Amino acid sequence: MNPRSFLLSGLIAGAVIGLLGNLPVVNFVNCLLCLWVWIGGLLAVYVYGRFQKGQAGLSPVQGAGLGALAGLIGALIGAVVFLAASPLSIPLFNNLALLLQIEGDLPLGAGGFGEIVVTTLIFLVINLVLYPIFGALGGLIGSAVFKAQPATP
């Protein structure tokens, strides 16, 4: 196993997880059992295989580890993306609630800075647990799907 390719694959997939899992509207896909995180685990194993160019692939345990690493990186990047996107997404979702005539207290009210920071920290703690788990499952599946093919002579 090449540590440089392993880390770089985890960083690339983690960035994808963090961005797609926390951008407004696109993040709704994550409501389907953290689908972006599963895809990120698969992507990490695929990118690792591309870096290795047909050399030995990852074992299932290594694939799960790579997926978990990507999930961990995705949770950290996702917290930054969520913090940056919240001032834009809160008014968007409040207007959507008005349009759909949803009444009652919304989870995020006016979206003051303190409220956004607290919400970001809560999501970070939850994501630091869930993202590595689902990323590991995606990496485990990816190691079975993207097995390295032996080079033909």
Foldseek 3Di string as FASTA:
>chain_A
DDVVLLVVLLLVLLLQLLVQCAAPPSVVVCVPVHVSLLVSLLSSQVSSCVVVVQDFGDDLQSSLVSQLSSLQSNLVSNLVSNLVRVVVVVVVVVVVCVVVVPDDDDPQDPPDNVVSNVVSVVSSVVSNPRSSVSRSVSSSVNCVVDGRDHDDD
